[in-house]
C-alpha atoms as a PDB file:
ATOM      1  CA  MET A   1       0.000   0.000   0.000  1.00  0.00           C
ATOM      2  CA  SER A   2       1.416   3.372  -1.022  1.00  0.00           C
ATOM      3  CA  GLU A   3       1.630   6.385   1.257  1.00  0.00           C
ATOM      4  CA  GLN A   4      -1.050   8.147  -0.772  1.00  0.00           C
ATOM      5  CA  ASP A   5      -3.463   5.244  -0.289  1.00  0.00           C
ATOM      6  CA  SER A   6      -2.638   5.163   3.449  1.00  0.00           C
ATOM      7  CA  ALA A   7      -3.386   8.842   3.796  1.00  0.00           C
ATOM      8  CA  LEU A   8      -6.651   8.395   1.907  1.00  0.00           C
ATOM      9  CA  ASP A   9      -7.714   5.492   4.121  1.00  0.00           C
ATOM     10  CA  LEU A  10      -6.794   7.462   7.227  1.00  0.00           C
ATOM     11  CA  SER A  11      -8.932  10.390   6.096  1.00  0.00           C
ATOM     12  CA  GLU A  12     -11.865   8.076   5.396  1.00  0.00           C
ATOM     13  CA  ALA A  13     -11.436   6.455   8.813  1.00  0.00           C
ATOM     14  CA  GLU A  14     -11.466   9.804  10.576  1.00  0.00           C
ATOM     15  CA  ALA A  15     -14.579  10.814   8.645  1.00  0.00           C
ATOM     16  CA  ALA A  16     -16.283   7.543   9.617  1.00  0.00           C
ATOM     17  CA  LEU A  17     -15.474   8.125  13.295  1.00  0.00           C
ATOM     18  CA  GLU A  18     -16.815  11.672  13.129  1.00  0.00           C
ATOM     19  CA  ARG A  19     -20.194  10.479  11.827  1.00  0.00           C
ATOM     20  CA  GLY A  20     -20.317   7.626  14.375  1.00  0.00           C
ATOM     21  CA  ASP A  21     -19.625   4.725  12.000  1.00  0.00           C
ATOM     22  CA  TYR A  22     -17.132   2.949  14.258  1.00  0.00           C
ATOM     23  CA  GLY A  23     -17.291  -0.372  12.399  1.00  0.00           C
ATOM     24  CA  GLN A  24     -16.159   1.097   9.093  1.00  0.00           C
ATOM     25  CA  GLY A  25     -13.530   3.135  10.934  1.00  0.00           C
ATOM     26  CA  LEU A  26     -12.036  -0.017  12.456  1.00  0.00           C
ATOM     27  CA  GLU A  27     -12.048  -1.805   9.083  1.00  0.00           C
ATOM     28  CA  LEU A  28      -9.920   1.003   7.644  1.00  0.00           C
ATOM     29  CA  LEU A  29      -7.680   1.412  10.694  1.00  0.00           C
ATOM     30  CA  LEU A  30      -6.728  -2.246  11.306  1.00  0.00           C
ATOM     31  CA  PRO A  31      -4.771  -2.668   8.019  1.00  0.00           C
ATOM     32  CA  LEU A  32      -3.036   0.628   8.651  1.00  0.00           C
ATOM     33  CA  ALA A  33      -2.095  -0.462  12.184  1.00  0.00           C
ATOM     34  CA  GLU A  34      -0.496  -3.637  10.796  1.00  0.00           C
ATOM     35  CA  GLN A  35       1.467  -1.581   8.294  1.00  0.00           C
ATOM     36  CA  HIS A  36       2.612   0.979  10.923  1.00  0.00           C
ATOM     37  CA  PRO A  37       3.757  -0.596  14.244  1.00  0.00           C
ATOM     38  CA  LEU A  38       3.548   1.201  17.565  1.00  0.00           C
ATOM     39  CA  ASN A  39       7.140   2.454  17.461  1.00  0.00           C
ATOM     40  CA  SER A  40       6.665   4.119  14.055  1.00  0.00           C
ATOM     41  CA  PRO A  41       5.836   7.830  13.807  1.00  0.00           C
ATOM     42  CA  GLU A  42       2.256   7.126  12.651  1.00  0.00           C
ATOM     43  CA  GLY A  43       1.617   4.186  14.989  1.00  0.00           C
ATOM     44  CA  PRO A  44       0.523   6.003  18.194  1.00  0.00           C
ATOM     45  CA  GLY A  45      -1.908   8.270  16.343  1.00  0.00           C
ATOM     46  CA  LEU A  46      -3.549   5.309  14.565  1.00  0.00           C
ATOM     47  CA  ARG A  47      -3.999   3.436  17.811  1.00  0.00           C
ATOM     48  CA  LEU A  48      -5.532   6.460  19.477  1.00  0.00           C
ATOM     49  CA  LEU A  49      -8.186   6.494  16.740  1.00  0.00           C
ATOM     50  CA  MET A  50      -8.724   2.758  17.217  1.00  0.00           C
ATOM     51  CA  ILE A  51      -9.285   3.350  20.949  1.00  0.00           C
ATOM     52  CA  THR A  52     -11.982   5.871  20.058  1.00  0.00           C
ATOM     53  CA  ALA A  53     -13.692   3.332  17.775  1.00  0.00           C
ATOM     54  CA  TRP A  54     -13.526   0.547  20.395  1.00  0.00           C
ATOM     55  CA  MET A  55     -14.979   2.853  23.033  1.00  0.00           C
ATOM     56  CA  GLY A  56     -17.811   3.709  20.659  1.00  0.00           C
ATOM     57  CA  GLN A  57     -18.549  -0.002  20.153  1.00  0.00           C
ATOM     58  CA  GLY A  58     -18.323  -0.783  23.870  1.00  0.00           C
ATOM     59  CA  GLN A  59     -15.154  -2.920  23.535  1.00  0.00           C
ATOM     60  CA  ASP A  60     -13.512  -1.453  26.606  1.00  0.00           C
ATOM     61  CA  ASP A  61     -11.058  -4.364  27.097  1.00  0.00           C
ATOM     62  CA  LYS A  62      -9.311  -3.724  23.773  1.00  0.00           C
ATOM     63  CA  ALA A  63      -9.338   0.003  24.406  1.00  0.00           C
ATOM     64  CA  ILE A  64      -7.767  -0.435  27.872  1.00  0.00           C
ATOM     65  CA  THR A  65      -5.034  -2.726  26.526  1.00  0.00           C
ATOM     66  CA  THR A  66      -4.109  -0.284  23.780  1.00  0.00           C
ATOM     67  CA  CYS A  67      -4.214   2.660  26.181  1.00  0.00           C
ATOM     68  CA  ARG A  68      -1.690   0.945  28.426  1.00  0.00           C
ATOM     69  CA  LEU A  69       0.614   0.488  25.447  1.00  0.00           C
ATOM     70  CA  LEU A  70       0.228   4.127  24.410  1.00  0.00           C
ATOM     71  CA  SER A  71       0.916   5.355  27.951  1.00  0.00           C
ATOM     72  CA  ARG A  72       4.552   4.294  27.408  1.00  0.00           C
ATOM     73  CA  CYS A  73       5.093   5.888  23.982  1.00  0.00           C
ATOM     74  CA  ARG A  74       7.699   8.574  23.366  1.00  0.00           C
ATOM     75  CA  ASP A  75       5.303  11.364  22.369  1.00  0.00           C
ATOM     76  CA  PRO A  76       4.413  13.231  25.614  1.00  0.00           C
ATOM     77  CA  LYS A  77       1.164  14.620  24.222  1.00  0.00           C
ATOM     78  CA  LEU A  78      -0.167  11.222  23.105  1.00  0.00           C
ATOM     79  CA  ARG A  79       1.103   9.657  26.310  1.00  0.00           C
ATOM     80  CA  GLN A  80      -0.904  12.153  28.357  1.00  0.00           C
ATOM     81  CA  GLN A  81      -4.034  11.560  26.261  1.00  0.00           C
ATOM     82  CA  ALA A  82      -3.675   7.807  26.723  1.00  0.00           C
ATOM     83  CA  LYS A  83      -3.397   8.172  30.490  1.00  0.00           C
ATOM     84  CA  GLN A  84      -6.512  10.326  30.569  1.00  0.00           C
ATOM     85  CA  LEU A  85      -8.497   7.833  28.504  1.00  0.00           C
ATOM     86  CA  LEU A  86      -7.212   4.999  30.690  1.00  0.00           C
ATOM     87  CA  GLY A  87      -8.468   6.798  33.789  1.00  0.00           C
ATOM     88  CA  VAL A  88     -11.901   7.150  32.191  1.00  0.00           C
ATOM     89  CA  LEU A  89     -12.052   3.523  31.068  1.00  0.00           C
ATOM     90  CA  GLU A  90     -10.897   2.085  34.404  1.00  0.00           C
ATOM     91  CA  ALA A  91     -13.253   4.250  36.468  1.00  0.00           C
ATOM     92  CA  PRO A  92     -15.758   2.159  38.454  1.00  0.00           C
ATOM     93  CA  SER A  93     -19.265   2.083  37.062  1.00  0.00           C
ATOM     94  CA  LEU A  94     -22.010   3.481  39.262  1.00  0.00           C
ATOM     95  CA  ASP A  95     -25.437   1.994  39.725  1.00  0.00           C
ATOM     96  CA  ARG A  96     -28.159   4.012  38.109  1.00  0.00           C
ATOM     97  CA  PRO A  97     -31.142   4.910  40.281  1.00  0.00           C
ATOM     98  CA  GLU A  98     -34.422   3.311  39.391  1.00  0.00           C
ATOM     99  CA  ARG A  99     -36.025   6.652  38.608  1.00  0.00           C
ATOM    100  CA  TRP A 100     -33.440   7.268  35.864  1.00  0.00           C
ATOM    101  CA  LEU A 101     -34.612   4.216  33.900  1.00  0.00           C
ATOM    102  CA  MET A 102     -37.424   4.406  31.395  1.00  0.00           C
ATOM    103  CA  ARG A 103     -39.542   1.286  31.068  1.00  0.00           C
ATOM    104  CA  MET A 104     -41.671   0.480  28.044  1.00  0.00           C
ATOM    105  CA  PRO A 105     -45.328  -0.376  28.682  1.00  0.00           C
ATOM    106  CA  GLN A 106     -46.174  -4.050  28.671  1.00  0.00           C
ATOM    107  CA  LEU A 107     -47.923  -5.349  25.595  1.00  0.00           C
ATOM    108  CA  GLU A 108     -50.599  -7.967  26.316  1.00  0.00           C
ATOM    109  CA  LEU A 109     -52.079  -9.972  23.448  1.00  0.00           C
ATOM    110  CA  ASN A 110     -55.418 -11.631  24.238  1.00  0.00           C
ATOM    111  CA  SER A 111     -56.810 -14.098  21.695  1.00  0.00           C
ATOM    112  CA  SER A 112     -60.503 -14.790  21.813  1.00  0.00           C
ATOM    113  CA  GLY A 113     -62.342 -17.944  20.713  1.00  0.00           C
ATOM    114  CA  SER A 114     -63.499 -18.876  17.255  1.00  0.00           C
ATOM    115  CA  GLY A 115     -65.343 -16.240  15.319  1.00  0.00           C
ATOM    116  CA  GLN A 116     -63.816 -13.454  17.357  1.00  0.00           C
ATOM    117  CA  THR A 117     -60.870 -11.304  16.361  1.00  0.00           C
ATOM    118  CA  SER A 118     -57.847 -11.051  18.577  1.00  0.00           C
ATOM    119  CA  THR A 119     -57.408  -7.736  20.363  1.00  0.00           C
ATOM    120  CA  MET A 120     -54.342  -6.063  21.775  1.00  0.00           C
ATOM    121  CA  ARG A 121     -54.543  -4.141  24.923  1.00  0.00           C
ATOM    122  CA  TRP A 122     -51.973  -1.851  26.437  1.00  0.00           C
ATOM    123  CA  ARG A 123     -51.483  -2.186  30.125  1.00  0.00           C
ATOM    124  CA  ARG A 124     -49.630   0.744  31.518  1.00  0.00           C
ATOM    125  CA  SER A 125     -48.458   1.149  35.016  1.00  0.00           C
ATOM    126  CA  ARG A 126     -50.389   3.800  36.790  1.00  0.00           C
ATOM    127  CA  ARG A 127     -48.158   6.577  38.027  1.00  0.00           C
ATOM    128  CA  PRO A 128     -49.167   9.819  39.673  1.00  0.00           C
ATOM    129  CA  GLU A 129     -49.433  12.710  37.313  1.00  0.00           C
ATOM    130  CA  PRO A 130     -46.638  15.239  37.580  1.00  0.00           C
ATOM    131  CA  PRO A 131     -47.538  18.399  39.458  1.00  0.00           C
ATOM    132  CA  SER A 132     -48.638  21.340  37.376  1.00  0.00           C
ATOM    133  CA  PRO A 133     -46.079  24.085  36.866  1.00  0.00           C
ATOM    134  CA  PRO A 134     -46.345  27.121  39.135  1.00  0.00           C
ATOM    135  CA  PRO A 135     -48.539  29.941  37.785  1.00  0.00           C
ATOM    136  CA  THR A 136     -45.600  32.217  36.954  1.00  0.00           C
ATOM    137  CA  GLY A 137     -46.198  32.461  33.233  1.00  0.00           C
ATOM    138  CA  PRO A 138     -43.546  32.265  30.544  1.00  0.00           C
ATOM    139  CA  THR A 139     -40.075  33.642  31.201  1.00  0.00           C
ATOM    140  CA  ARG A 140     -39.654  37.113  29.809  1.00  0.00           C
ATOM    141  CA  SER A 141     -36.560  39.217  29.237  1.00  0.00           C
ATOM    142  CA  PRO A 142     -36.129  42.127  31.684  1.00  0.00           C
ATOM    143  CA  ALA A 143     -37.576  45.410  30.519  1.00  0.00           C
ATOM    144  CA  ALA A 144     -35.509  48.513  29.797  1.00  0.00           C
ATOM    145  CA  GLY A 145     -36.591  50.140  33.055  1.00  0.00           C
ATOM    146  CA  PHE A 146     -35.157  47.242  35.035  1.00  0.00           C
ATOM    147  CA  ALA A 147     -31.741  47.714  33.393  1.00  0.00           C
ATOM    148  CA  VAL A 148     -31.835  51.448  34.162  1.00  0.00           C
ATOM    149  CA  LEU A 149     -32.734  50.703  37.784  1.00  0.00           C
ATOM    150  CA  VAL A 150     -29.864  48.214  38.142  1.00  0.00           C
ATOM    151  CA  MET A 151     -27.387  50.693  36.642  1.00  0.00           C
ATOM    152  CA  ALA A 152     -28.599  53.430  38.979  1.00  0.00           C
ATOM    153  CA  VAL A 153     -28.227  51.180  42.029  1.00  0.00           C
ATOM    154  CA  LEU A 154     -24.725  50.102  41.007  1.00  0.00           C
ATOM    155  CA  LEU A 155     -23.700  53.695  40.355  1.00  0.00           C
ATOM    156  CA  GLY A 156     -25.086  54.749  43.715  1.00  0.00           C
ATOM    157  CA  ILE A 157     -23.174  51.999  45.513  1.00  0.00           C
ATOM    158  CA  THR A 158     -19.969  52.966  43.700  1.00  0.00           C
ATOM    159  CA  LEU A 159     -20.357  56.628  44.570  1.00  0.00           C
ATOM    160  CA  LEU A 160     -21.262  55.809  48.169  1.00  0.00           C
ATOM    161  CA  LEU A 161     -18.129  53.710  48.574  1.00  0.00           C
ATOM    162  CA  ASN A 162     -16.042  56.426  46.936  1.00  0.00           C
ATOM    163  CA  GLY A 163     -17.527  59.151  49.178  1.00  0.00           C
ATOM    164  CA  CYS A 164     -16.337  60.291  52.601  1.00  0.00           C
ATOM    165  CA  VAL A 165     -13.601  62.401  51.037  1.00  0.00           C
ATOM    166  CA  ARG A 166     -12.721  66.104  51.174  1.00  0.00           C
ATOM    167  CA  ILE A 167     -11.219  67.777  48.102  1.00  0.00           C
ATOM    168  CA  GLU A 168      -9.593  71.203  48.449  1.00  0.00           C
ATOM    169  CA  ALA A 169      -8.449  73.034  45.318  1.00  0.00           C
ATOM    170  CA  ASP A 170      -6.403  76.231  45.690  1.00  0.00           C
ATOM    171  CA  LEU A 171      -5.581  78.420  42.681  1.00  0.00           C
ATOM    172  CA  ASP A 172      -2.606  80.684  43.316  1.00  0.00           C
ATOM    173  CA  LEU A 173      -1.908  83.731  41.119  1.00  0.00           C
ATOM    174  CA  ARG A 174       1.896  84.046  41.099  1.00  0.00           C
ATOM    175  CA  GLY A 175       2.319  86.855  38.549  1.00  0.00           C
ATOM    176  CA  PRO A 176       1.029  88.251  35.269  1.00  0.00           C
ATOM    177  CA  ASP A 177      -0.537  85.230  33.564  1.00  0.00           C
ATOM    178  CA  ARG A 178       1.363  82.874  35.868  1.00  0.00           C
ATOM    179  CA  LEU A 179      -0.735  80.494  37.993  1.00  0.00           C
ATOM    180  CA  ALA A 180      -0.314  77.312  40.000  1.00  0.00           C
ATOM    181  CA  LEU A 181      -2.916  74.845  41.264  1.00  0.00           C
ATOM    182  CA  THR A 182      -2.789  72.610  44.347  1.00  0.00           C
ATOM    183  CA  TRP A 183      -5.218  69.767  45.094  1.00  0.00           C
ATOM    184  CA  ASP A 184      -5.527  68.362  48.589  1.00  0.00           C
ATOM    185  CA  VAL A 185      -7.504  65.085  48.626  1.00  0.00           C
ATOM    186  CA  ARG A 186      -8.215  63.780  52.121  1.00  0.00           C
ATOM    187  CA  SER A 187     -10.103  60.675  53.202  1.00  0.00           C
ATOM    188  CA  THR A 188     -12.194  61.048  56.336  1.00  0.00           C
ATOM    189  CA  GLN A 189     -11.526  57.389  57.159  1.00  0.00           C
ATOM    190  CA  GLU A 190      -7.756  58.068  57.511  1.00  0.00           C
ATOM    191  CA  ARG A 191      -6.919  55.416  54.944  1.00  0.00           C
ATOM    192  CA  PRO A 192      -6.687  55.500  51.142  1.00  0.00           C
ATOM    193  CA  LEU A 193     -10.007  54.835  49.436  1.00  0.00           C
ATOM    194  CA  PRO A 194     -10.208  52.706  46.270  1.00  0.00           C
ATOM    195  CA  TRP A 195     -11.189  55.865  44.400  1.00  0.00           C
ATOM    196  CA  GLN A 196      -8.015  57.648  45.569  1.00  0.00           C
ATOM    197  CA  GLU A 197      -5.760  54.794  44.487  1.00  0.00           C
ATOM    198  CA  GLN A 198      -7.389  54.605  41.057  1.00  0.00           C
ATOM    199  CA  PHE A 199      -7.277  58.410  40.775  1.00  0.00           C
ATOM    200  CA  GLU A 200      -3.544  58.504  41.510  1.00  0.00           C
ATOM    201  CA  ARG A 201      -2.719  55.738  39.030  1.00  0.00           C
ATOM    202  CA  ASP A 202      -4.691  57.424  36.242  1.00  0.00           C
ATOM    203  CA  LEU A 203      -3.101  60.817  36.950  1.00  0.00           C
ATOM    204  CA  GLN A 204       0.413  59.410  36.773  1.00  0.00           C
ATOM    205  CA  ARG A 205      -0.412  57.743  33.468  1.00  0.00           C
ATOM    206  CA  GLU A 206      -2.473  60.425  31.719  1.00  0.00           C
ATOM    207  CA  VAL A 207      -1.614  63.882  33.117  1.00  0.00           C
ATOM    208  CA  PRO A 208       2.088  64.815  32.968  1.00  0.00           C
ATOM    209  CA  GLY A 209       3.650  67.638  34.949  1.00  0.00           C
ATOM    210  CA  LEU A 210       1.973  66.861  38.282  1.00  0.00           C
ATOM    211  CA  LYS A 211       3.689  66.245  41.607  1.00  0.00           C
ATOM    212  CA  ILE A 212       1.814  63.747  43.792  1.00  0.00           C
ATOM    213  CA  GLU A 213       2.774  63.366  47.456  1.00  0.00           C
ATOM    214  CA  GLN A 214       1.362  61.311  50.317  1.00  0.00           C
ATOM    215  CA  THR A 215       1.192  63.818  53.168  1.00  0.00           C
ATOM    216  CA  GLY A 216      -0.574  61.562  55.643  1.00  0.00           C
ATOM    217  CA  PRO A 217      -2.850  58.527  56.076  1.00  0.00           C
ATOM    218  CA  GLY A 218      -5.377  58.707  53.251  1.00  0.00           C
ATOM    219  CA  ARG A 219      -4.165  62.176  52.203  1.00  0.00           C
ATOM    220  CA  GLN A 220      -2.809  63.183  48.794  1.00  0.00           C
ATOM    221  CA  GLN A 221      -1.350  66.507  47.717  1.00  0.00           C
ATOM    222  CA  ILE A 222      -1.284  67.112  43.970  1.00  0.00           C
ATOM    223  CA  SER A 223       0.642  70.176  42.773  1.00  0.00           C
ATOM    224  CA  SER A 224       1.069  71.609  39.310  1.00  0.00           C
ATOM    225  CA  ARG A 225       3.953  73.681  38.008  1.00  0.00           C
ATOM    226  CA  VAL A 226       3.603  77.422  37.413  1.00  0.00           C
ATOM    227  CA  ALA A 227       2.041  77.898  33.976  1.00  0.00           C
ATOM    228  CA  SER A 228      -0.098  80.237  31.938  1.00  0.00           C
ATOM    229  CA  SER A 229      -3.850  80.387  32.378  1.00  0.00           C
ATOM    230  CA  HIS A 230      -4.416  78.532  29.086  1.00  0.00           C
ATOM    231  CA  GLU A 231      -2.064  75.661  30.003  1.00  0.00           C
ATOM    232  CA  LEU A 232      -3.448  75.410  33.527  1.00  0.00           C
ATOM    233  CA  ALA A 233      -7.036  75.321  32.220  1.00  0.00           C
ATOM    234  CA  GLN A 234      -6.168  72.325  30.015  1.00  0.00           C
ATOM    235  CA  GLN A 235      -4.446  70.548  32.897  1.00  0.00           C
ATOM    236  CA  MET A 236      -7.380  71.225  35.235  1.00  0.00           C
ATOM    237  CA  ALA A 237      -9.819  69.802  32.681  1.00  0.00           C
ATOM    238  CA  ALA A 238      -7.714  66.626  32.408  1.00  0.00           C
ATOM    239  CA  VAL A 239      -7.596  66.219  36.214  1.00  0.00           C
ATOM    240  CA  VAL A 240     -11.382  66.656  36.556  1.00  0.00           C
ATOM    241  CA  ALA A 241     -11.993  64.157  33.727  1.00  0.00           C
ATOM    242  CA  VAL A 242      -9.754  61.563  35.429  1.00  0.00           C
ATOM    243  CA  ALA A 243     -11.455  62.129  38.801  1.00  0.00           C
ATOM    244  CA  GLY A 244     -14.922  61.694  37.278  1.00  0.00           C
ATOM    245  CA  ARG A 245     -13.935  58.560  35.388  1.00  0.00           C
ATOM    246  CA  ALA A 246     -12.461  57.020  38.547  1.00  0.00           C
ATOM    247  CA  ALA A 247     -15.789  57.657  40.314  1.00  0.00           C
ATOM    248  CA  GLY A 248     -17.875  56.363  37.403  1.00  0.00           C
ATOM    249  CA  VAL A 249     -19.396  59.720  36.385  1.00  0.00           C
ATOM    250  CA  SER A 250     -18.814  62.190  33.563  1.00  0.00           C
ATOM    251  CA  LEU A 251     -17.955  65.743  34.624  1.00  0.00           C
ATOM    252  CA  PRO A 252     -17.653  68.782  32.325  1.00  0.00           C
ATOM    253  CA  ALA A 253     -14.374  70.672  32.246  1.00  0.00           C
ATOM    254  CA  PRO A 254     -14.119  73.659  34.615  1.00  0.00           C
ATOM    255  CA  MET A 255     -13.856  77.157  33.132  1.00  0.00           C
ATOM    256  CA  LEU A 256     -10.795  79.249  34.015  1.00  0.00           C
ATOM    257  CA  LYS A 257     -10.655  82.871  32.777  1.00  0.00           C
ATOM    258  CA  LEU A 258      -7.986  85.492  33.511  1.00  0.00           C
ATOM    259  CA  GLU A 259      -8.276  89.101  32.298  1.00  0.00           C
ATOM    260  CA  GLU A 260      -5.308  91.474  32.726  1.00  0.00           C
ATOM    261  CA  ARG A 261      -4.749  95.173  31.954  1.00  0.00           C
ATOM    262  CA  ASN A 262      -1.286  96.675  32.223  1.00  0.00           C
ATOM    263  CA  TRP A 263      -1.185 100.233  33.640  1.00  0.00           C
ATOM    264  CA  LEU A 264       2.638 100.596  33.747  1.00  0.00           C
ATOM    265  CA  LEU A 265       2.693 100.821  37.543  1.00  0.00           C
ATOM    266  CA  GLY A 266       0.928  97.474  37.867  1.00  0.00           C
ATOM    267  CA  VAL A 267      -1.376  94.948  36.317  1.00  0.00           C
ATOM    268  CA  GLN A 268      -5.086  94.855  37.007  1.00  0.00           C
ATOM    269  CA  GLN A 269      -6.180  91.203  37.175  1.00  0.00           C
ATOM    270  CA  HIS A 270      -9.625  89.610  37.169  1.00  0.00           C
ATOM    271  CA  LEU A 271      -9.653  85.843  37.784  1.00  0.00           C
ATOM    272  CA  GLN A 272     -12.756  83.640  37.396  1.00  0.00           C
ATOM    273  CA  LEU A 273     -13.117  79.923  38.105  1.00  0.00           C
ATOM    274  CA  MET A 274     -16.382  78.075  37.405  1.00  0.00           C
ATOM    275  CA  VAL A 275     -16.955  74.421  38.347  1.00  0.00           C
ATOM    276  CA  ASP A 276     -20.023  72.622  36.988  1.00  0.00           C
ATOM    277  CA  LEU A 277     -21.267  69.795  39.232  1.00  0.00           C
ATOM    278  CA  SER A 278     -24.870  69.894  38.022  1.00  0.00           C
ATOM    279  CA  ASP A 279     -24.658  66.324  36.646  1.00  0.00           C
ATOM    280  CA  LEU A 280     -23.049  64.930  39.799  1.00  0.00           C
ATOM    281  CA  PRO A 281     -25.538  63.134  42.090  1.00  0.00           C
ATOM    282  CA  LYS A 282     -25.475  63.859  45.778  1.00  0.00           C
ATOM    283  CA  ILE A 283     -22.752  61.774  47.414  1.00  0.00           C
ATOM    284  CA  PRO A 284     -22.789  61.400  51.214  1.00  0.00           C
ATOM    285  CA  GLY A 285     -19.512  62.509  52.754  1.00  0.00           C
ATOM    286  CA  LEU A 286     -18.200  64.361  49.670  1.00  0.00           C
ATOM    287  CA  ASP A 287     -16.901  67.891  50.349  1.00  0.00           C
ATOM    288  CA  VAL A 288     -15.411  69.996  47.521  1.00  0.00           C
ATOM    289  CA  HIS A 289     -13.783  73.258  48.612  1.00  0.00           C
ATOM    290  CA  LEU A 290     -12.451  75.936  46.207  1.00  0.00           C
ATOM    291  CA  SER A 291     -10.166  78.835  47.102  1.00  0.00           C
ATOM    292  CA  LEU A 292      -8.134  81.554  45.339  1.00  0.00           C
ATOM    293  CA  ASN A 293      -4.764  82.956  46.428  1.00  0.00           C
ATOM    294  CA  HIS A 294      -4.425  80.825  49.578  1.00  0.00           C
ATOM    295  CA  GLY A 295      -7.915  81.402  50.922  1.00  0.00           C
ATOM    296  CA  ARG A 296      -8.542  85.051  50.012  1.00  0.00           C
ATOM    297  CA  VAL A 297     -11.753  83.910  48.346  1.00  0.00           C
ATOM    298  CA  GLU A 298     -13.392  80.601  49.308  1.00  0.00           C
ATOM    299  CA  ARG A 299     -16.425  78.683  48.066  1.00  0.00           C
ATOM    300  CA  THR A 300     -17.902  75.225  48.665  1.00  0.00           C
ATOM    301  CA  ALA A 301     -18.980  73.368  45.520  1.00  0.00           C
ATOM    302  CA  LEU A 302     -22.154  71.352  46.058  1.00  0.00           C
ATOM    303  CA  SER A 303     -23.417  68.426  44.000  1.00  0.00           C
ATOM    304  CA  GLY A 304     -26.031  69.401  41.424  1.00  0.00           C
ATOM    305  CA  THR A 305     -24.940  73.078  41.308  1.00  0.00           C
ATOM    306  CA  ILE A 306     -22.588  75.377  39.393  1.00  0.00           C
ATOM    307  CA  THR A 307     -20.056  77.147  41.621  1.00  0.00           C
ATOM    308  CA  GLU A 308     -18.199  80.307  40.583  1.00  0.00           C
ATOM    309  CA  VAL A 309     -15.200  81.859  42.362  1.00  0.00           C
ATOM    310  CA  SER A 310     -13.787  85.239  41.266  1.00  0.00           C
ATOM    311  CA  TRP A 311     -11.099  87.655  42.460  1.00  0.00           C
ATOM    312  CA  GLN A 312     -10.093  91.102  41.250  1.00  0.00           C
ATOM    313  CA  GLY A 313      -7.034  93.064  42.327  1.00  0.00           C
ATOM    314  CA  TRP A 314      -3.782  94.791  41.462  1.00  0.00           C
ATOM    315  CA  ARG A 315      -0.298  93.427  41.113  1.00  0.00           C
ATOM    316  CA  TRP A 316       2.358  96.127  41.200  1.00  0.00           C
ATOM    317  CA  ASN A 317       5.026  96.218  38.520  1.00  0.00           C
ATOM    318  CA  PRO A 318       8.544  96.636  40.030  1.00  0.00           C
ATOM    319  CA  LEU A 319       9.921  98.098  36.834  1.00  0.00           C
ATOM    320  CA  GLY A 320       7.108 100.617  36.607  1.00  0.00           C
ATOM    321  CA  LEU A 321       7.534 101.632  40.249  1.00  0.00           C
ATOM    322  CA  GLY A 322      11.286 102.055  39.746  1.00  0.00           C
ATOM    323  CA  GLY A 323      10.686 104.266  36.708  1.00  0.00           C
ATOM    324  CA  VAL A 324       8.274 106.461  38.682  1.00  0.00           C
ATOM    325  CA  VAL A 325      10.800 106.893  41.522  1.00  0.00           C
ATOM    326  CA  ILE A 326      13.536 107.872  39.067  1.00  0.00           C
ATOM    327  CA  LEU A 327      11.208 110.360  37.371  1.00  0.00           C
ATOM    328  CA  MET A 328      10.302 111.940  40.714  1.00  0.00           C
ATOM    329  CA  LEU A 329      13.978 112.310  41.623  1.00  0.00           C
ATOM    330  CA  LEU A 330      14.693 114.066  38.329  1.00  0.00           C
ATOM    331  CA  ILE A 331      11.767 116.426  38.822  1.00  0.00           C
ATOM    332  CA  SER A 332      12.910 117.208  42.377  1.00  0.00           C
ATOM    333  CA  SER A 333      16.415 117.973  41.143  1.00  0.00           C
ATOM    334  CA  MET A 334      15.125 120.365  38.498  1.00  0.00           C
ATOM    335  CA  VAL A 335      12.907 122.161  41.033  1.00  0.00           C
ATOM    336  CA  LEU A 336      15.847 122.614  43.401  1.00  0.00           C
ATOM    337  CA  GLN A 337      17.942 124.126  40.629  1.00  0.00           C
ATOM    338  CA  VAL A 338      15.217 126.669  39.783  1.00  0.00           C
ATOM    339  CA  VAL A 339      14.881 127.676  43.445  1.00  0.00           C
ATOM    340  CA  ARG A 340      18.657 128.077  43.710  1.00  0.00           C
ATOM    341  CA  ARG A 341      18.775 130.463  40.755  1.00  0.00           C
ATOM    342  CA  LYS A 342      15.931 132.551  42.148  1.00  0.00           C
ATOM    343  CA  LEU A 343      17.788 132.954  45.420  1.00  0.00           C
ATOM    344  CA  GLY A 344      20.791 134.410  43.544  1.00  0.00           C
ATOM    345  CA  PHE A 345      23.172 131.619  43.891  1.00  0.00           C
ATOM    346  CA  GLY A 346      23.295 131.075  40.166  1.00  0.00           C
ATOM    347  CA  PHE A 347      24.271 127.838  38.581  1.00  0.00           C
ATOM    348  CA  PRO A 348      26.544 125.556  40.519  1.00  0.00           C
ATOM    349  CA  GLU A 349      30.227 126.083  39.576  1.00  0.00           C
ATOM    350  CA  LEU A 350      33.254 123.921  39.867  1.00  0.00           C
ATOM    351  CA  PRO A 351      35.804 125.021  42.489  1.00  0.00           C
ATOM    352  CA  SER A 352      38.697 127.103  41.055  1.00  0.00           C
END
């Protein structure tokens, strides 16, 4: 038999086993097994197929014998499969309970005398009727309102577990269009909350330029570098987005606006900060505190509201002040010279 014929017979045998024709599979596999002994490359695979066919026919003795031979072959994968099949075949059989068995009704044939036709009667064992199903009706898929209710409950539990935290945000105006922001996140339970840990990991991964320090049990201090109002507004929006995502809610970006007018002697500044928490549900134990310039202006942001903090003031310009002083000294010198001439002293002269 050529290799092409062997491959064809093997394919037909596998197809016969797949459709449950174990007899035809064995007829094709036995000649191949004689051609390829157990120590040949194809021998273990052929015998594994033969074990499948014998198990399908109920010839467990032949399957067990071949499994024991395959458990000592060189291929580790086939050896493991053989050991598994051997464990299944050698497992003790369990007695089936009587209620698992289905018995056919007895057929009784009664023949009558001459001139009468024979009749067949079914004699069935009388068993109690099964109980009627409970009056629950057919199973229906949950409605859309149920899914919304479940989501609301889960969100409420998440927010409740993430509550009991105080957040203090201080916006410091360092100079003309130079600001810095400091966040102080403090757990009232004096231990880090799951929300704080997730918040810190996301900040380190997504928002560069932040300095995060652990200043105490359950307390985080997050500081930004000094930057312009435009850069700080972008960084603040990223921090608020990360905080909302860690809590399972979506928060809009806060609005930061700085208006400045330069009057030579100083800069007139008007700073506005608006935080929108209108979409944030009420969370027990959550306290958000906003302040400008180290507490000069303070506000408490409440859930479901929009909070605005503003400050207006002057920042003196050192260069402008120095120019004014120099100008005043020059004017004073000129006035003194005029007074000197009027008193008759004339112009100052060099000593002879």
